[in-house]
Amino acid sequence: MLRIHFTADDLAGVRIAPRPDVLWETILSFHRLRDRRGPVVFGGWRTETRARLGGETRLLAALVPSRGYFPDFLTPPEGLAGLDEGLRAVRGTSEGRLRSELSLLAADRSGGRTVPHSLRALADGGPEPFDRLMGALRSYHRAAVEPYWPHVRAQVEADRARRGRAVLDGGAEELLGSLPPALTWRAPVLEAAYPVDRDVHLDGRGLLLQPSYFCRGTPVMLRDPALPPVLVYPVAHGGAPAVRAPGAGPLAKLVGHTRAEVLRAIGDGATTGELARRAGVSAASASQHAGVLRDAGLIATLRHGNAVLHTLTPLGAALLGGGTQRREERCYARNGPVTS
């Protein structure tokens, strides 16, 4: 059982991540690639992804075993800012932390304290091992996550909208009570089934809630209690991820090719100028399409300084993702020798 203990200050510091974290999604998707569960959601994705993969999985398999702990340095907070920023943070991991976490990984896998040969060069430091790791992470992300990112983003955005409504209705406690069934709020403790018995005391640091598409069932937390507290939890899946060409598919048939592209281009939020650049249309055209989408309840528009900011509504996010379906999936817990 996982028990997260809150103080009043912690409740005031609960927040929802503004977008999917690219490194959490990349690492957790590597778990999904190797299990056979969730075939309706992940079956086709596994087949398509495996066809695009090469030798990059060998190094990742050594770092991210199918069960138990994987190093915290693989999922720095900079992953929220994008792949490039996240990989720069991974590469900036100190040698001391690298050795410590790789030793934990070795102990978790074999019961010993010796870093496996495949990871020894990485533990010893130097640019070449990190070059290989950066290349493996980038290549794997390109094959397994990048083609499906619009779908991942839409599902996470829909979950964020749901949690945001809970905050407006009843504050942090309502938010914690609204989390997926795998998590139970019994004030002042948030509980979840977990492969090991663990108590986490936030001690006034608050908690970042990170919704994740590739998480499955039970939540995931960083193992190092000194790191900023993050709880990764699974979103409800609105169908299987699919690669769609811009302007193609059911959405384009419903609202038209250009308007579909404008809706997709909003992403995590965009001003009219940004929307025009992303969709490849004029500012006047972007403004006109945004007005139609707003009238249809698919986006919301708020003034942001001297500009306006367009964001997806839950309906818009659901439309991008092909609809929502309240079906929770399971995800591997990472702090312990046993999976969920």
C-alpha atoms as a PDB file:
ATOM      1  CA  MET A   1       0.000   0.000   0.000  1.00  0.00           C
ATOM      2  CA  LEU A   2       1.165   3.522  -0.832  1.00  0.00           C
ATOM      3  CA  ARG A   3       0.150   6.208   1.662  1.00  0.00           C
ATOM      4  CA  ILE A   4       0.780   9.882   0.904  1.00  0.00           C
ATOM      5  CA  HIS A   5       0.406  12.075   3.996  1.00  0.00           C
ATOM      6  CA  PHE A   6      -0.800  15.670   3.575  1.00  0.00           C
ATOM      7  CA  THR A   7      -0.601  18.685   5.842  1.00  0.00           C
ATOM      8  CA  ALA A   8      -2.680  21.826   5.342  1.00  0.00           C
ATOM      9  CA  ASP A   9       0.268  23.363   3.498  1.00  0.00           C
ATOM     10  CA  ASP A  10       0.463  20.316   1.239  1.00  0.00           C
ATOM     11  CA  LEU A  11      -3.206  20.605   0.323  1.00  0.00           C
ATOM     12  CA  ALA A  12      -2.607  24.236  -0.608  1.00  0.00           C
ATOM     13  CA  GLY A  13       0.311  23.097  -2.787  1.00  0.00           C
ATOM     14  CA  VAL A  14      -1.476  20.405  -4.802  1.00  0.00           C
ATOM     15  CA  ARG A  15      -1.345  21.180  -8.519  1.00  0.00           C
ATOM     16  CA  ILE A  16      -2.087  19.482 -11.815  1.00  0.00           C
ATOM     17  CA  ALA A  17       0.647  19.226 -14.442  1.00  0.00           C
ATOM     18  CA  PRO A  18      -0.100  21.571 -17.355  1.00  0.00           C
ATOM     19  CA  ARG A  19       0.534  18.936 -20.049  1.00  0.00           C
ATOM     20  CA  PRO A  20       1.756  15.370 -20.551  1.00  0.00           C
ATOM     21  CA  ASP A  21       5.374  14.791 -19.562  1.00  0.00           C
ATOM     22  CA  VAL A  22       7.263  13.511 -22.596  1.00  0.00           C
ATOM     23  CA  LEU A  23       9.806  11.469 -20.622  1.00  0.00           C
ATOM     24  CA  TRP A  24       7.273   9.869 -18.288  1.00  0.00           C
ATOM     25  CA  GLU A  25       5.225   8.877 -21.349  1.00  0.00           C
ATOM     26  CA  THR A  26       8.334   7.551 -23.111  1.00  0.00           C
ATOM     27  CA  ILE A  27       9.525   5.429 -20.185  1.00  0.00           C
ATOM     28  CA  LEU A  28       6.067   4.124 -19.254  1.00  0.00           C
ATOM     29  CA  SER A  29       5.324   3.294 -22.885  1.00  0.00           C
ATOM     30  CA  PHE A  30       8.401   1.044 -22.830  1.00  0.00           C
ATOM     31  CA  HIS A  31       6.642  -0.950 -20.095  1.00  0.00           C
ATOM     32  CA  ARG A  32       3.499  -1.153 -22.187  1.00  0.00           C
ATOM     33  CA  LEU A  33       5.512  -2.375 -25.164  1.00  0.00           C
ATOM     34  CA  ARG A  34       6.662  -5.459 -23.255  1.00  0.00           C
ATOM     35  CA  ASP A  35       3.463  -6.551 -21.556  1.00  0.00           C
ATOM     36  CA  ARG A  36       0.422  -8.136 -23.190  1.00  0.00           C
ATOM     37  CA  ARG A  37      -2.304  -6.515 -21.161  1.00  0.00           C
ATOM     38  CA  GLY A  38      -4.681  -3.894 -22.481  1.00  0.00           C
ATOM     39  CA  PRO A  39      -4.797  -5.337 -26.028  1.00  0.00           C
ATOM     40  CA  VAL A  40      -7.759  -3.198 -27.085  1.00  0.00           C
ATOM     41  CA  VAL A  41      -5.910   0.027 -26.333  1.00  0.00           C
ATOM     42  CA  PHE A  42      -2.294  -1.002 -26.859  1.00  0.00           C
ATOM     43  CA  GLY A  43      -2.377  -4.024 -29.188  1.00  0.00           C
ATOM     44  CA  GLY A  44      -2.230  -2.148 -32.486  1.00  0.00           C
ATOM     45  CA  TRP A  45       0.196   0.389 -31.048  1.00  0.00           C
ATOM     46  CA  ARG A  46       2.580  -2.412 -30.011  1.00  0.00           C
ATOM     47  CA  THR A  47       2.535  -3.934 -33.488  1.00  0.00           C
ATOM     48  CA  GLU A  48       3.138  -0.611 -35.223  1.00  0.00           C
ATOM     49  CA  THR A  49       5.845   0.458 -32.788  1.00  0.00           C
ATOM     50  CA  ARG A  50       7.807  -2.794 -32.924  1.00  0.00           C
ATOM     51  CA  ALA A  51       7.925  -2.536 -36.701  1.00  0.00           C
ATOM     52  CA  ARG A  52       9.670   0.841 -36.399  1.00  0.00           C
ATOM     53  CA  LEU A  53      12.164  -0.092 -33.679  1.00  0.00           C
ATOM     54  CA  GLY A  54      15.815  -1.078 -34.046  1.00  0.00           C
ATOM     55  CA  GLY A  55      18.568  -1.829 -31.550  1.00  0.00           C
ATOM     56  CA  GLU A  56      17.759   1.088 -29.265  1.00  0.00           C
ATOM     57  CA  THR A  57      15.681  -1.148 -27.000  1.00  0.00           C
ATOM     58  CA  ARG A  58      18.721  -3.115 -25.762  1.00  0.00           C
ATOM     59  CA  LEU A  59      20.141  -0.247 -23.703  1.00  0.00           C
ATOM     60  CA  LEU A  60      16.692   0.836 -22.551  1.00  0.00           C
ATOM     61  CA  ALA A  61      15.859  -2.700 -21.415  1.00  0.00           C
ATOM     62  CA  ALA A  62      18.934  -2.662 -19.172  1.00  0.00           C
ATOM     63  CA  LEU A  63      17.890   0.673 -17.648  1.00  0.00           C
ATOM     64  CA  VAL A  64      14.138   0.061 -17.496  1.00  0.00           C
ATOM     65  CA  PRO A  65      13.415  -3.531 -16.447  1.00  0.00           C
ATOM     66  CA  SER A  66       9.940  -4.880 -17.009  1.00  0.00           C
ATOM     67  CA  ARG A  67       9.440  -5.104 -13.240  1.00  0.00           C
ATOM     68  CA  GLY A  68      10.379  -2.944 -10.317  1.00  0.00           C
ATOM     69  CA  TYR A  69      12.572   0.101  -9.985  1.00  0.00           C
ATOM     70  CA  PHE A  70      13.956   2.214 -12.796  1.00  0.00           C
ATOM     71  CA  PRO A  71      16.226   5.218 -12.120  1.00  0.00           C
ATOM     72  CA  ASP A  72      14.639   8.521 -11.157  1.00  0.00           C
ATOM     73  CA  PHE A  73      17.092  10.473 -13.326  1.00  0.00           C
ATOM     74  CA  LEU A  74      15.255   9.241 -16.438  1.00  0.00           C
ATOM     75  CA  THR A  75      12.184  11.356 -15.619  1.00  0.00           C
ATOM     76  CA  PRO A  76      13.351  14.846 -14.575  1.00  0.00           C
ATOM     77  CA  PRO A  77      10.748  17.624 -14.222  1.00  0.00           C
ATOM     78  CA  GLU A  78      12.069  19.230 -17.420  1.00  0.00           C
ATOM     79  CA  GLY A  79      10.231  16.517 -19.369  1.00  0.00           C
ATOM     80  CA  LEU A  80       7.161  18.744 -19.068  1.00  0.00           C
ATOM     81  CA  ALA A  81       8.889  21.276 -21.323  1.00  0.00           C
ATOM     82  CA  GLY A  82       9.520  18.835 -24.169  1.00  0.00           C
ATOM     83  CA  LEU A  83      11.909  16.138 -25.328  1.00  0.00           C
ATOM     84  CA  ASP A  84      14.933  18.342 -25.952  1.00  0.00           C
ATOM     85  CA  GLU A  85      14.703  20.031 -22.561  1.00  0.00           C
ATOM     86  CA  GLY A  86      14.093  16.708 -20.824  1.00  0.00           C
ATOM     87  CA  LEU A  87      17.059  15.003 -22.471  1.00  0.00           C
ATOM     88  CA  ARG A  88      19.323  17.930 -21.586  1.00  0.00           C
ATOM     89  CA  ALA A  89      18.314  17.466 -17.949  1.00  0.00           C
ATOM     90  CA  VAL A  90      18.979  13.705 -18.135  1.00  0.00           C
ATOM     91  CA  ARG A  91      22.396  14.386 -19.588  1.00  0.00           C
ATOM     92  CA  GLY A  92      23.105  16.848 -16.780  1.00  0.00           C
ATOM     93  CA  THR A  93      22.678  14.179 -14.082  1.00  0.00           C
ATOM     94  CA  SER A  94      25.577  14.343 -11.639  1.00  0.00           C
ATOM     95  CA  GLU A  95      28.030  11.426 -11.553  1.00  0.00           C
ATOM     96  CA  GLY A  96      27.270  10.795  -7.897  1.00  0.00           C
ATOM     97  CA  ARG A  97      23.534  10.534  -8.469  1.00  0.00           C
ATOM     98  CA  LEU A  98      24.101   8.402 -11.559  1.00  0.00           C
ATOM     99  CA  ARG A  99      26.195   5.860  -9.669  1.00  0.00           C
ATOM    100  CA  SER A 100      23.796   5.818  -6.733  1.00  0.00           C
ATOM    101  CA  GLU A 101      20.685   5.162  -8.816  1.00  0.00           C
ATOM    102  CA  LEU A 102      22.377   2.602 -11.058  1.00  0.00           C
ATOM    103  CA  SER A 103      23.553   0.766  -7.939  1.00  0.00           C
ATOM    104  CA  LEU A 104      19.955   0.732  -6.692  1.00  0.00           C
ATOM    105  CA  LEU A 105      18.895  -0.654 -10.053  1.00  0.00           C
ATOM    106  CA  ALA A 106      21.549  -3.384  -9.887  1.00  0.00           C
ATOM    107  CA  ALA A 107      20.550  -4.316  -6.342  1.00  0.00           C
ATOM    108  CA  ASP A 108      16.879  -4.414  -7.272  1.00  0.00           C
ATOM    109  CA  ARG A 109      17.526  -6.702 -10.235  1.00  0.00           C
ATOM    110  CA  SER A 110      20.091  -9.118  -8.830  1.00  0.00           C
ATOM    111  CA  GLY A 111      20.254  -8.623  -5.075  1.00  0.00           C
ATOM    112  CA  GLY A 112      23.863  -7.487  -5.449  1.00  0.00           C
ATOM    113  CA  ARG A 113      25.550  -4.109  -5.530  1.00  0.00           C
ATOM    114  CA  THR A 114      27.442  -4.467  -8.808  1.00  0.00           C
ATOM    115  CA  VAL A 115      26.316  -2.391 -11.752  1.00  0.00           C
ATOM    116  CA  PRO A 116      25.642  -4.685 -14.753  1.00  0.00           C
ATOM    117  CA  HIS A 117      28.286  -4.676 -17.485  1.00  0.00           C
ATOM    118  CA  SER A 118      25.859  -3.077 -19.954  1.00  0.00           C
ATOM    119  CA  LEU A 119      25.531  -0.052 -17.661  1.00  0.00           C
ATOM    120  CA  ARG A 120      29.045   0.132 -16.233  1.00  0.00           C
ATOM    121  CA  ALA A 121      30.283   2.616 -18.819  1.00  0.00           C
ATOM    122  CA  LEU A 122      27.317   4.871 -18.096  1.00  0.00           C
ATOM    123  CA  ALA A 123      27.994   4.681 -14.353  1.00  0.00           C
ATOM    124  CA  ASP A 124      31.645   5.553 -14.952  1.00  0.00           C
ATOM    125  CA  GLY A 125      30.633   8.800 -16.684  1.00  0.00           C
ATOM    126  CA  GLY A 126      31.991  10.302 -19.872  1.00  0.00           C
ATOM    127  CA  PRO A 127      30.318  11.676 -23.007  1.00  0.00           C
ATOM    128  CA  GLU A 128      30.143   8.534 -25.168  1.00  0.00           C
ATOM    129  CA  PRO A 129      27.859   6.441 -22.904  1.00  0.00           C
ATOM    130  CA  PHE A 130      25.515   9.401 -22.530  1.00  0.00           C
ATOM    131  CA  ASP A 131      25.538   9.932 -26.288  1.00  0.00           C
ATOM    132  CA  ARG A 132      24.341   6.357 -26.689  1.00  0.00           C
ATOM    133  CA  LEU A 133      21.655   6.812 -24.042  1.00  0.00           C
ATOM    134  CA  MET A 134      20.438  10.074 -25.591  1.00  0.00           C
ATOM    135  CA  GLY A 135      20.319   8.421 -29.011  1.00  0.00           C
ATOM    136  CA  ALA A 136      18.403   5.409 -27.675  1.00  0.00           C
ATOM    137  CA  LEU A 137      15.830   7.558 -25.858  1.00  0.00           C
ATOM    138  CA  ARG A 138      15.342   9.858 -28.827  1.00  0.00           C
ATOM    139  CA  SER A 139      15.029   6.995 -31.334  1.00  0.00           C
ATOM    140  CA  TYR A 140      12.626   5.074 -29.136  1.00  0.00           C
ATOM    141  CA  HIS A 141      10.496   8.187 -28.541  1.00  0.00           C
ATOM    142  CA  ARG A 142      10.394   8.854 -32.294  1.00  0.00           C
ATOM    143  CA  ALA A 143       9.126   5.326 -32.963  1.00  0.00           C
ATOM    144  CA  ALA A 144       6.804   4.733 -30.008  1.00  0.00           C
ATOM    145  CA  VAL A 145       5.446   8.056 -28.759  1.00  0.00           C
ATOM    146  CA  GLU A 146       5.874  10.890 -31.244  1.00  0.00           C
ATOM    147  CA  PRO A 147       3.460   9.540 -33.909  1.00  0.00           C
ATOM    148  CA  TYR A 148       0.712   9.239 -31.288  1.00  0.00           C
ATOM    149  CA  TRP A 149       1.396  12.457 -29.379  1.00  0.00           C
ATOM    150  CA  PRO A 150      -1.765  14.329 -30.482  1.00  0.00           C
ATOM    151  CA  HIS A 151      -3.886  11.472 -29.113  1.00  0.00           C
ATOM    152  CA  VAL A 152      -1.861  11.283 -25.884  1.00  0.00           C
ATOM    153  CA  ARG A 153      -2.092  15.037 -25.417  1.00  0.00           C
ATOM    154  CA  ALA A 154      -5.845  15.103 -26.020  1.00  0.00           C
ATOM    155  CA  GLN A 155      -6.504  12.365 -23.460  1.00  0.00           C
ATOM    156  CA  VAL A 156      -4.332  14.062 -20.836  1.00  0.00           C
ATOM    157  CA  GLU A 157      -5.984  17.424 -21.533  1.00  0.00           C
ATOM    158  CA  ALA A 158      -9.425  15.868 -21.093  1.00  0.00           C
ATOM    159  CA  ASP A 159      -8.336  14.450 -17.738  1.00  0.00           C
ATOM    160  CA  ARG A 160      -6.948  17.823 -16.671  1.00  0.00           C
ATOM    161  CA  ALA A 161     -10.248  19.479 -17.482  1.00  0.00           C
ATOM    162  CA  ARG A 162     -12.060  16.937 -15.319  1.00  0.00           C
ATOM    163  CA  ARG A 163      -9.670  17.507 -12.389  1.00  0.00           C
ATOM    164  CA  GLY A 164      -9.878  21.269 -12.861  1.00  0.00           C
ATOM    165  CA  ARG A 165     -13.644  21.133 -12.525  1.00  0.00           C
ATOM    166  CA  ALA A 166     -13.224  19.207  -9.258  1.00  0.00           C
ATOM    167  CA  VAL A 167     -10.935  21.958  -7.930  1.00  0.00           C
ATOM    168  CA  LEU A 168     -13.518  24.608  -8.800  1.00  0.00           C
ATOM    169  CA  ASP A 169     -16.274  22.574  -7.152  1.00  0.00           C
ATOM    170  CA  GLY A 170     -14.520  21.777  -3.890  1.00  0.00           C
ATOM    171  CA  GLY A 171     -10.847  22.660  -3.796  1.00  0.00           C
ATOM    172  CA  ALA A 172      -7.896  20.334  -3.287  1.00  0.00           C
ATOM    173  CA  GLU A 173      -9.821  17.727  -1.299  1.00  0.00           C
ATOM    174  CA  GLU A 174     -12.429  17.427  -4.043  1.00  0.00           C
ATOM    175  CA  LEU A 175      -9.596  17.081  -6.556  1.00  0.00           C
ATOM    176  CA  LEU A 176      -7.935  14.273  -4.606  1.00  0.00           C
ATOM    177  CA  GLY A 177     -11.285  12.551  -4.210  1.00  0.00           C
ATOM    178  CA  SER A 178     -11.871  12.716  -7.968  1.00  0.00           C
ATOM    179  CA  LEU A 179      -8.749  10.731  -8.885  1.00  0.00           C
ATOM    180  CA  PRO A 180      -9.105   7.294 -10.561  1.00  0.00           C
ATOM    181  CA  PRO A 181     -10.490   4.389  -8.498  1.00  0.00           C
ATOM    182  CA  ALA A 182      -6.976   3.023  -7.874  1.00  0.00           C
ATOM    183  CA  LEU A 183      -6.480   6.040  -5.562  1.00  0.00           C
ATOM    184  CA  THR A 184      -8.536   6.592  -2.402  1.00  0.00           C
ATOM    185  CA  TRP A 185      -8.632   9.873  -0.492  1.00  0.00           C
ATOM    186  CA  ARG A 186      -9.107   9.419   3.262  1.00  0.00           C
ATOM    187  CA  ALA A 187      -8.152  12.813   4.630  1.00  0.00           C
ATOM    188  CA  PRO A 188      -5.380  13.550   5.314  1.00  0.00           C
ATOM    189  CA  VAL A 189      -3.971  10.488   3.487  1.00  0.00           C
ATOM    190  CA  LEU A 190      -4.135   9.478  -0.184  1.00  0.00           C
ATOM    191  CA  GLU A 191      -3.888   5.695  -0.535  1.00  0.00           C
ATOM    192  CA  ALA A 192      -3.251   3.378  -3.449  1.00  0.00           C
ATOM    193  CA  ALA A 193      -2.574  -0.307  -3.965  1.00  0.00           C
ATOM    194  CA  TYR A 194       1.187  -0.669  -4.409  1.00  0.00           C
ATOM    195  CA  PRO A 195       3.632  -3.555  -4.743  1.00  0.00           C
ATOM    196  CA  VAL A 196       5.481  -2.474  -1.583  1.00  0.00           C
ATOM    197  CA  ASP A 197       4.431  -0.806   1.650  1.00  0.00           C
ATOM    198  CA  ARG A 198       5.460   2.851   1.502  1.00  0.00           C
ATOM    199  CA  ASP A 199       4.613   6.027   3.397  1.00  0.00           C
ATOM    200  CA  VAL A 200       5.375   9.377   1.757  1.00  0.00           C
ATOM    201  CA  HIS A 201       5.319  12.477   3.964  1.00  0.00           C
ATOM    202  CA  LEU A 202       5.073  15.603   1.832  1.00  0.00           C
ATOM    203  CA  ASP A 203       6.194  17.866   4.695  1.00  0.00           C
ATOM    204  CA  GLY A 204       4.770  21.040   3.209  1.00  0.00           C
ATOM    205  CA  ARG A 205       6.166  20.532  -0.303  1.00  0.00           C
ATOM    206  CA  GLY A 206       2.790  19.951  -1.955  1.00  0.00           C
ATOM    207  CA  LEU A 207       2.254  17.414  -4.735  1.00  0.00           C
ATOM    208  CA  LEU A 208       2.323  17.557  -8.525  1.00  0.00           C
ATOM    209  CA  LEU A 209      -0.369  15.360 -10.078  1.00  0.00           C
ATOM    210  CA  GLN A 210       0.807  14.099 -13.471  1.00  0.00           C
ATOM    211  CA  PRO A 211      -1.863  12.406 -15.629  1.00  0.00           C
ATOM    212  CA  SER A 212      -0.333   9.859 -17.990  1.00  0.00           C
ATOM    213  CA  TYR A 213      -1.611   8.011 -21.040  1.00  0.00           C
ATOM    214  CA  PHE A 214       0.855   5.119 -20.851  1.00  0.00           C
ATOM    215  CA  CYS A 215       0.490   4.608 -17.101  1.00  0.00           C
ATOM    216  CA  ARG A 216      -1.590   1.537 -16.347  1.00  0.00           C
ATOM    217  CA  GLY A 217      -3.666   1.070 -13.194  1.00  0.00           C
ATOM    218  CA  THR A 218      -1.587   1.845 -10.127  1.00  0.00           C
ATOM    219  CA  PRO A 219       0.212   5.174  -9.757  1.00  0.00           C
ATOM    220  CA  VAL A 220       3.955   5.762  -9.940  1.00  0.00           C
ATOM    221  CA  MET A 221       6.149   7.901  -7.701  1.00  0.00           C
ATOM    222  CA  LEU A 222       9.828   8.762  -7.663  1.00  0.00           C
ATOM    223  CA  ARG A 223      11.774   6.574  -5.290  1.00  0.00           C
ATOM    224  CA  ASP A 224      14.060   9.283  -3.859  1.00  0.00           C
ATOM    225  CA  PRO A 225      12.072  11.080  -1.105  1.00  0.00           C
ATOM    226  CA  ALA A 226      14.330  14.133  -1.439  1.00  0.00           C
ATOM    227  CA  LEU A 227      13.108  14.854  -4.986  1.00  0.00           C
ATOM    228  CA  PRO A 228      10.043  17.074  -5.588  1.00  0.00           C
ATOM    229  CA  PRO A 229       6.954  14.880  -5.013  1.00  0.00           C
ATOM    230  CA  VAL A 230       5.223  13.755  -8.210  1.00  0.00           C
ATOM    231  CA  LEU A 231       2.331  11.304  -8.481  1.00  0.00           C
ATOM    232  CA  VAL A 232       1.850   9.861 -11.976  1.00  0.00           C
ATOM    233  CA  TYR A 233      -1.584   8.332 -12.466  1.00  0.00           C
ATOM    234  CA  PRO A 234      -3.460   6.766 -15.413  1.00  0.00           C
ATOM    235  CA  VAL A 235      -6.027   8.640 -17.474  1.00  0.00           C
ATOM    236  CA  ALA A 236      -9.167   7.017 -18.838  1.00  0.00           C
ATOM    237  CA  HIS A 237      -8.558   5.887 -22.390  1.00  0.00           C
ATOM    238  CA  GLY A 238     -10.690   7.115 -25.250  1.00  0.00           C
ATOM    239  CA  GLY A 239      -9.826   4.343 -27.684  1.00  0.00           C
ATOM    240  CA  ALA A 240      -6.523   3.143 -29.096  1.00  0.00           C
ATOM    241  CA  PRO A 241      -3.851   5.621 -30.215  1.00  0.00           C
ATOM    242  CA  ALA A 242      -3.652   6.032 -33.964  1.00  0.00           C
ATOM    243  CA  VAL A 243      -1.452   7.851 -36.436  1.00  0.00           C
ATOM    244  CA  ARG A 244      -3.503  10.227 -38.552  1.00  0.00           C
ATOM    245  CA  ALA A 245      -2.284  12.395 -41.365  1.00  0.00           C
ATOM    246  CA  PRO A 246      -2.994  16.115 -40.899  1.00  0.00           C
ATOM    247  CA  GLY A 247      -6.455  16.993 -42.089  1.00  0.00           C
ATOM    248  CA  ALA A 248      -7.470  13.342 -42.494  1.00  0.00           C
ATOM    249  CA  GLY A 249      -9.831  11.057 -40.643  1.00  0.00           C
ATOM    250  CA  PRO A 250     -13.251  11.367 -38.986  1.00  0.00           C
ATOM    251  CA  LEU A 251     -12.549  14.754 -37.431  1.00  0.00           C
ATOM    252  CA  ALA A 252     -11.842  16.330 -40.822  1.00  0.00           C
ATOM    253  CA  LYS A 253     -15.016  14.785 -42.217  1.00  0.00           C
ATOM    254  CA  LEU A 254     -16.979  16.333 -39.365  1.00  0.00           C
ATOM    255  CA  VAL A 255     -15.583  19.877 -39.265  1.00  0.00           C
ATOM    256  CA  GLY A 256     -13.539  20.179 -42.461  1.00  0.00           C
ATOM    257  CA  HIS A 257      -9.811  19.769 -43.107  1.00  0.00           C
ATOM    258  CA  THR A 258      -8.670  23.287 -42.231  1.00  0.00           C
ATOM    259  CA  ARG A 259     -10.832  23.604 -39.135  1.00  0.00           C
ATOM    260  CA  ALA A 260      -9.663  20.180 -37.949  1.00  0.00           C
ATOM    261  CA  GLU A 261      -6.063  21.308 -38.332  1.00  0.00           C
ATOM    262  CA  VAL A 262      -6.802  24.527 -36.409  1.00  0.00           C
ATOM    263  CA  LEU A 263      -8.359  22.496 -33.594  1.00  0.00           C
ATOM    264  CA  ARG A 264      -5.315  20.211 -33.434  1.00  0.00           C
ATOM    265  CA  ALA A 265      -2.948  23.182 -33.555  1.00  0.00           C
ATOM    266  CA  ILE A 266      -4.344  24.625 -30.322  1.00  0.00           C
ATOM    267  CA  GLY A 267      -2.518  21.915 -28.360  1.00  0.00           C
ATOM    268  CA  ASP A 268      -1.867  23.050 -24.799  1.00  0.00           C
ATOM    269  CA  GLY A 269      -3.030  26.556 -25.677  1.00  0.00           C
ATOM    270  CA  ALA A 270      -2.261  29.085 -28.379  1.00  0.00           C
ATOM    271  CA  THR A 271      -2.753  32.730 -29.195  1.00  0.00           C
ATOM    272  CA  THR A 272      -4.353  33.579 -32.530  1.00  0.00           C
ATOM    273  CA  GLY A 273      -0.940  34.349 -34.020  1.00  0.00           C
ATOM    274  CA  GLU A 274       0.516  31.050 -32.809  1.00  0.00           C
ATOM    275  CA  LEU A 275      -2.538  29.242 -34.093  1.00  0.00           C
ATOM    276  CA  ALA A 276      -2.104  30.769 -37.532  1.00  0.00           C
ATOM    277  CA  ARG A 277       1.571  29.755 -37.702  1.00  0.00           C
ATOM    278  CA  ARG A 278       0.948  26.202 -36.492  1.00  0.00           C
ATOM    279  CA  ALA A 279      -1.972  25.595 -38.858  1.00  0.00           C
ATOM    280  CA  GLY A 280      -0.392  27.403 -41.801  1.00  0.00           C
ATOM    281  CA  VAL A 281      -3.264  29.876 -42.279  1.00  0.00           C
ATOM    282  CA  SER A 282      -3.583  33.641 -42.051  1.00  0.00           C
ATOM    283  CA  ALA A 283      -4.293  35.346 -38.725  1.00  0.00           C
ATOM    284  CA  ALA A 284      -7.724  36.409 -40.008  1.00  0.00           C
ATOM    285  CA  SER A 285      -8.539  32.845 -41.016  1.00  0.00           C
ATOM    286  CA  ALA A 286      -7.306  31.459 -37.681  1.00  0.00           C
ATOM    287  CA  SER A 287      -9.484  33.970 -35.832  1.00  0.00           C
ATOM    288  CA  GLN A 288     -12.527  33.052 -37.925  1.00  0.00           C
ATOM    289  CA  HIS A 289     -12.073  29.303 -37.424  1.00  0.00           C
ATOM    290  CA  ALA A 290     -11.468  29.817 -33.698  1.00  0.00           C
ATOM    291  CA  GLY A 291     -14.767  31.704 -33.471  1.00  0.00           C
ATOM    292  CA  VAL A 292     -16.661  28.821 -35.072  1.00  0.00           C
ATOM    293  CA  LEU A 293     -14.967  26.275 -32.814  1.00  0.00           C
ATOM    294  CA  ARG A 294     -15.713  28.435 -29.766  1.00  0.00           C
ATOM    295  CA  ASP A 295     -19.388  28.752 -30.711  1.00  0.00           C
ATOM    296  CA  ALA A 296     -19.519  24.955 -31.017  1.00  0.00           C
ATOM    297  CA  GLY A 297     -18.147  24.560 -27.483  1.00  0.00           C
ATOM    298  CA  LEU A 298     -14.886  22.927 -28.634  1.00  0.00           C
ATOM    299  CA  ILE A 299     -12.532  25.666 -27.420  1.00  0.00           C
ATOM    300  CA  ALA A 300     -12.506  28.423 -24.847  1.00  0.00           C
ATOM    301  CA  THR A 301     -10.965  31.852 -25.430  1.00  0.00           C
ATOM    302  CA  LEU A 302      -9.584  34.039 -22.641  1.00  0.00           C
ATOM    303  CA  ARG A 303      -7.753  37.338 -22.766  1.00  0.00           C
ATOM    304  CA  HIS A 304      -4.077  36.872 -21.925  1.00  0.00           C
ATOM    305  CA  GLY A 305      -2.326  40.233 -21.647  1.00  0.00           C
ATOM    306  CA  ASN A 306      -2.626  41.989 -25.005  1.00  0.00           C
ATOM    307  CA  ALA A 307      -3.572  38.755 -26.780  1.00  0.00           C
ATOM    308  CA  VAL A 308      -6.253  36.103 -26.501  1.00  0.00           C
ATOM    309  CA  LEU A 309      -5.476  32.542 -25.492  1.00  0.00           C
ATOM    310  CA  HIS A 310      -7.393  29.645 -27.032  1.00  0.00           C
ATOM    311  CA  THR A 311      -7.605  26.337 -25.130  1.00  0.00           C
ATOM    312  CA  LEU A 312      -9.453  23.080 -25.730  1.00  0.00           C
ATOM    313  CA  THR A 313     -12.594  22.341 -23.762  1.00  0.00           C
ATOM    314  CA  PRO A 314     -13.199  18.765 -22.563  1.00  0.00           C
ATOM    315  CA  LEU A 315     -15.511  18.325 -25.568  1.00  0.00           C
ATOM    316  CA  GLY A 316     -12.801  19.545 -27.928  1.00  0.00           C
ATOM    317  CA  ALA A 317     -10.184  17.288 -26.342  1.00  0.00           C
ATOM    318  CA  ALA A 318     -12.557  14.318 -26.522  1.00  0.00           C
ATOM    319  CA  LEU A 319     -13.284  15.034 -30.181  1.00  0.00           C
ATOM    320  CA  LEU A 320      -9.557  15.099 -30.966  1.00  0.00           C
ATOM    321  CA  GLY A 321      -9.080  11.826 -29.114  1.00  0.00           C
ATOM    322  CA  GLY A 322     -12.012  10.120 -30.771  1.00  0.00           C
ATOM    323  CA  GLY A 323     -14.285  10.251 -27.717  1.00  0.00           C
ATOM    324  CA  THR A 324     -13.764   9.343 -24.079  1.00  0.00           C
ATOM    325  CA  GLN A 325     -14.363   6.044 -22.410  1.00  0.00           C
ATOM    326  CA  ARG A 326     -14.222   5.598 -18.634  1.00  0.00           C
ATOM    327  CA  ARG A 327     -12.016   2.598 -18.496  1.00  0.00           C
ATOM    328  CA  GLU A 328      -8.970   2.680 -16.242  1.00  0.00           C
ATOM    329  CA  GLU A 329      -5.820   0.806 -17.260  1.00  0.00           C
ATOM    330  CA  ARG A 330      -2.994  -0.425 -15.054  1.00  0.00           C
ATOM    331  CA  CYS A 331       0.567   0.823 -14.826  1.00  0.00           C
ATOM    332  CA  TYR A 332       3.709  -0.620 -13.311  1.00  0.00           C
ATOM    333  CA  ALA A 333       4.745   0.801  -9.958  1.00  0.00           C
ATOM    334  CA  ARG A 334       8.365   1.709 -10.009  1.00  0.00           C
ATOM    335  CA  ASN A 335       9.371   1.670  -6.343  1.00  0.00           C
ATOM    336  CA  GLY A 336       9.926  -1.966  -5.518  1.00  0.00           C
ATOM    337  CA  PRO A 337      10.830  -5.407  -6.764  1.00  0.00           C
ATOM    338  CA  VAL A 338       7.287  -6.426  -7.717  1.00  0.00           C
ATOM    339  CA  THR A 339       4.916  -5.137 -10.368  1.00  0.00           C
ATOM    340  CA  SER A 340       1.278  -4.262  -9.872  1.00  0.00           C
END
